[in-house]
Amino acid sequence: MIAIYLNTKVKSSNFHTIILKKTLNQHTYIMGLGYAGGRVYDEFFGQFFTNESGEDIGKVSNSIGPYDWEKSIKISYDDETWEPKSECNEFFEQLDETETNVRDNMFSKLKEYILYGEDAENSQSEFPILKENSYTDLLSEIDEVYTNEFWDEEYLYITQESFWPLSLRFSD
């Protein structure tokens, strides 16, 4: 199942950010498309898991349709203060078959809600566009934020890290 978060609070377009999450084989995949500031929308795709030492390990790309991972991520926590310590390194590795299937599945789900890329351009928009009435299946709406029944905030502390390109941030 794919968890969905859709934030429609924005004045310059018809949505701010959409985030999709999927957990498979102890890995959590996060795909985001949203406002990055300065009239720019940006993309994110990442895979994360927590190792035996309690460190969060991940691979990320600043594309929702990547063929390669761009960075490796390691987030550990200070033993005394529990402050996160993030390491981000250049890392080029091709997505494997499972990762590619997850990416494609998540991107297909995203396209149920958003006109993006060539589809948005065909609608005369320089921005991604929320499809009309596409989010009527999302169950929860609070203050122009819509989610489905699978949504939780696990792993969303990553939005506080420097490798997260979108302007939307979740607090700890």
Protein backbone atom coordinates (compact mmCIF):
# COMPACT_ATOMS: atom_id res chain seq x y z
CA MET A 1 0.00 0.00 0.00
CA ILE A 2 1.13 3.53 -0.74
CA ALA A 3 0.61 6.25 1.85
CA ILE A 4 -0.28 9.68 0.47
CA TYR A 5 0.09 13.21 1.85
CA LEU A 6 -1.23 16.10 -0.24
CA ASN A 7 -0.84 19.71 0.87
CA THR A 8 -2.98 22.14 -1.11
CA LYS A 9 -2.11 25.26 0.91
CA VAL A 10 -0.55 27.54 -1.68
CA LYS A 11 -1.52 30.67 -3.57
CA SER A 12 0.61 30.44 -6.72
CA SER A 13 -0.52 26.99 -7.85
CA ASN A 14 -3.21 24.50 -6.91
CA PHE A 15 -1.06 22.35 -4.62
CA HIS A 16 2.06 22.76 -2.52
CA THR A 17 3.48 19.26 -2.03
CA ILE A 18 2.58 15.63 -2.54
CA ILE A 19 4.51 12.92 -0.70
CA LEU A 20 4.08 9.19 -1.22
CA LYS A 21 5.51 6.51 1.07
CA LYS A 22 5.75 2.77 0.64
CA THR A 23 7.34 0.18 2.89
CA LEU A 24 8.70 -3.01 1.36
CA ASN A 25 11.09 -5.55 2.90
CA GLN A 26 12.02 -3.26 5.84
CA HIS A 27 12.81 -0.37 3.48
CA THR A 28 10.74 2.80 3.40
CA TYR A 29 10.56 4.59 0.06
CA ILE A 30 9.61 8.26 -0.07
CA MET A 31 8.71 10.15 -3.23
CA GLY A 32 8.03 13.88 -3.11
CA LEU A 33 7.08 16.54 -5.61
CA GLY A 34 6.54 20.01 -4.30
CA TYR A 35 7.30 23.63 -3.92
CA ALA A 36 10.96 24.39 -3.23
CA GLY A 37 10.68 28.19 -3.08
CA GLY A 38 11.20 30.92 -5.63
CA ARG A 39 8.39 29.68 -7.92
CA VAL A 40 10.24 26.37 -8.35
CA TYR A 41 8.96 22.84 -7.84
CA ASP A 42 11.47 20.12 -7.00
CA GLU A 43 11.56 16.34 -6.74
CA PHE A 44 12.83 13.74 -4.28
CA PHE A 45 13.03 9.95 -4.21
CA GLY A 46 14.66 8.04 -1.36
CA GLN A 47 14.96 4.65 0.26
CA PHE A 48 15.62 4.29 4.01
CA PHE A 49 16.02 1.61 6.63
CA THR A 50 17.19 1.48 10.24
CA ASN A 51 20.18 -0.79 10.88
CA GLU A 52 20.95 -2.83 14.02
CA SER A 53 22.86 0.12 15.54
CA GLY A 54 19.83 2.40 15.26
CA GLU A 55 21.31 4.40 12.41
CA ASP A 56 19.11 5.34 9.51
CA ILE A 57 20.71 4.44 6.21
CA GLY A 58 19.45 5.64 2.87
CA LYS A 59 19.97 6.35 -0.79
CA VAL A 60 18.42 9.40 -2.44
CA SER A 61 17.94 11.10 -5.78
CA ASN A 62 16.62 14.56 -6.61
CA SER A 63 14.37 13.05 -9.25
CA ILE A 64 11.09 11.16 -9.07
CA GLY A 65 12.06 9.16 -12.13
CA PRO A 66 15.69 8.31 -11.44
CA TYR A 67 17.70 5.51 -12.93
CA ASP A 68 20.52 6.10 -10.45
CA TRP A 69 20.84 6.95 -6.78
CA GLU A 70 22.82 10.18 -6.33
CA LYS A 71 23.71 10.25 -2.63
CA SER A 72 24.13 7.87 0.27
CA ILE A 73 22.74 8.99 3.61
CA LYS A 74 23.54 7.98 7.17
CA ILE A 75 21.74 9.54 10.11
CA SER A 76 22.96 8.66 13.58
CA TYR A 77 22.14 10.20 16.93
CA ASP A 78 24.39 11.66 19.60
CA ASP A 79 24.42 9.31 22.60
CA GLU A 80 23.88 12.14 25.12
CA THR A 81 21.74 14.73 23.35
CA TRP A 82 19.98 12.53 20.77
CA GLU A 83 20.69 15.26 18.22
CA PRO A 84 20.80 13.83 14.71
CA LYS A 85 24.13 13.72 12.88
CA SER A 86 23.71 13.43 9.16
CA GLU A 87 26.29 12.24 6.64
CA CYS A 88 25.59 12.72 2.96
CA ASN A 89 28.01 11.47 0.31
CA GLU A 90 28.06 11.41 -3.46
CA PHE A 91 26.98 7.95 -4.50
CA PHE A 92 26.14 6.77 -7.97
CA GLU A 93 24.51 3.37 -8.18
CA GLN A 94 21.85 2.18 -10.58
CA LEU A 95 18.46 1.33 -9.08
CA ASP A 96 18.02 -2.42 -8.91
CA GLU A 97 14.94 -4.20 -10.25
CA THR A 98 12.99 -3.99 -6.97
CA GLU A 99 13.80 -0.29 -6.54
CA THR A 100 12.81 0.42 -10.14
CA ASN A 101 9.49 -1.40 -9.69
CA VAL A 102 8.76 0.56 -6.50
CA ARG A 103 9.66 3.84 -8.23
CA ASP A 104 7.41 3.04 -11.20
CA ASN A 105 4.53 1.99 -8.94
CA MET A 106 4.83 5.16 -6.85
CA PHE A 107 5.15 7.39 -9.93
CA SER A 108 2.01 5.81 -11.42
CA LYS A 109 0.17 6.58 -8.19
CA LEU A 110 1.47 10.17 -8.20
CA LYS A 111 0.18 10.63 -11.75
CA GLU A 112 -3.33 9.76 -10.53
CA TYR A 113 -3.25 13.08 -8.63
CA ILE A 114 -0.84 15.34 -10.53
CA LEU A 115 -0.30 16.46 -14.11
CA TYR A 116 3.45 16.72 -14.37
CA GLY A 117 6.13 17.34 -16.97
CA GLU A 118 4.83 17.01 -20.51
CA ASP A 119 1.25 16.54 -19.25
CA ALA A 120 1.40 19.88 -17.39
CA GLU A 121 3.05 21.59 -20.36
CA ASN A 122 0.21 20.37 -22.59
CA SER A 123 -2.12 22.16 -20.17
CA GLN A 124 -0.12 25.38 -20.64
CA SER A 125 1.41 25.26 -17.14
CA GLU A 126 5.01 25.67 -16.10
CA PHE A 127 4.12 24.00 -12.78
CA PRO A 128 2.77 20.57 -11.88
CA ILE A 129 -1.03 20.67 -11.63
CA LEU A 130 -3.33 18.94 -9.18
CA LYS A 131 -5.95 17.06 -11.19
CA GLU A 132 -9.50 18.20 -10.54
CA ASN A 133 -11.35 15.99 -8.06
CA SER A 134 -8.41 13.58 -7.96
CA TYR A 135 -8.13 13.61 -4.20
CA THR A 136 -11.72 12.75 -3.32
CA ASP A 137 -10.49 9.27 -2.29
CA LEU A 138 -8.22 10.75 0.39
CA LEU A 139 -10.00 10.29 3.68
CA SER A 140 -8.58 12.88 6.00
CA GLU A 141 -8.56 16.64 5.44
CA ILE A 142 -7.24 19.07 8.00
CA ASP A 143 -6.48 22.65 7.01
CA GLU A 144 -6.11 21.90 3.28
CA VAL A 145 -3.90 18.84 3.90
CA TYR A 146 -5.25 15.52 2.67
CA THR A 147 -4.02 12.03 3.56
CA ASN A 148 -5.13 8.46 3.06
CA GLU A 149 -5.58 5.80 5.73
CA PHE A 150 -2.00 4.53 5.34
CA TRP A 151 -0.31 7.86 6.09
CA ASP A 152 1.97 8.24 9.11
CA GLU A 153 4.95 10.47 9.80
CA GLU A 154 7.58 7.73 10.13
CA TYR A 155 10.91 8.78 8.57
CA LEU A 156 9.62 12.30 7.83
CA TYR A 157 12.25 13.83 10.11
CA ILE A 158 14.42 13.53 6.98
CA THR A 159 12.66 16.67 5.74
CA GLN A 160 14.77 18.58 8.29
CA GLU A 161 17.99 17.43 6.63
CA SER A 162 19.98 19.32 3.99
CA PHE A 163 19.47 16.66 1.32
CA TRP A 164 15.67 17.30 1.32
CA PRO A 165 15.08 19.82 -1.52
CA LEU A 166 11.43 20.80 -0.89
CA SER A 167 10.28 23.69 1.27
CA LEU A 168 7.78 21.59 3.26
CA ARG A 169 9.30 20.42 6.55
CA PHE A 170 7.90 18.10 9.20
CA SER A 171 8.98 18.69 12.80
CA ASP A 172 10.52 15.97 14.97
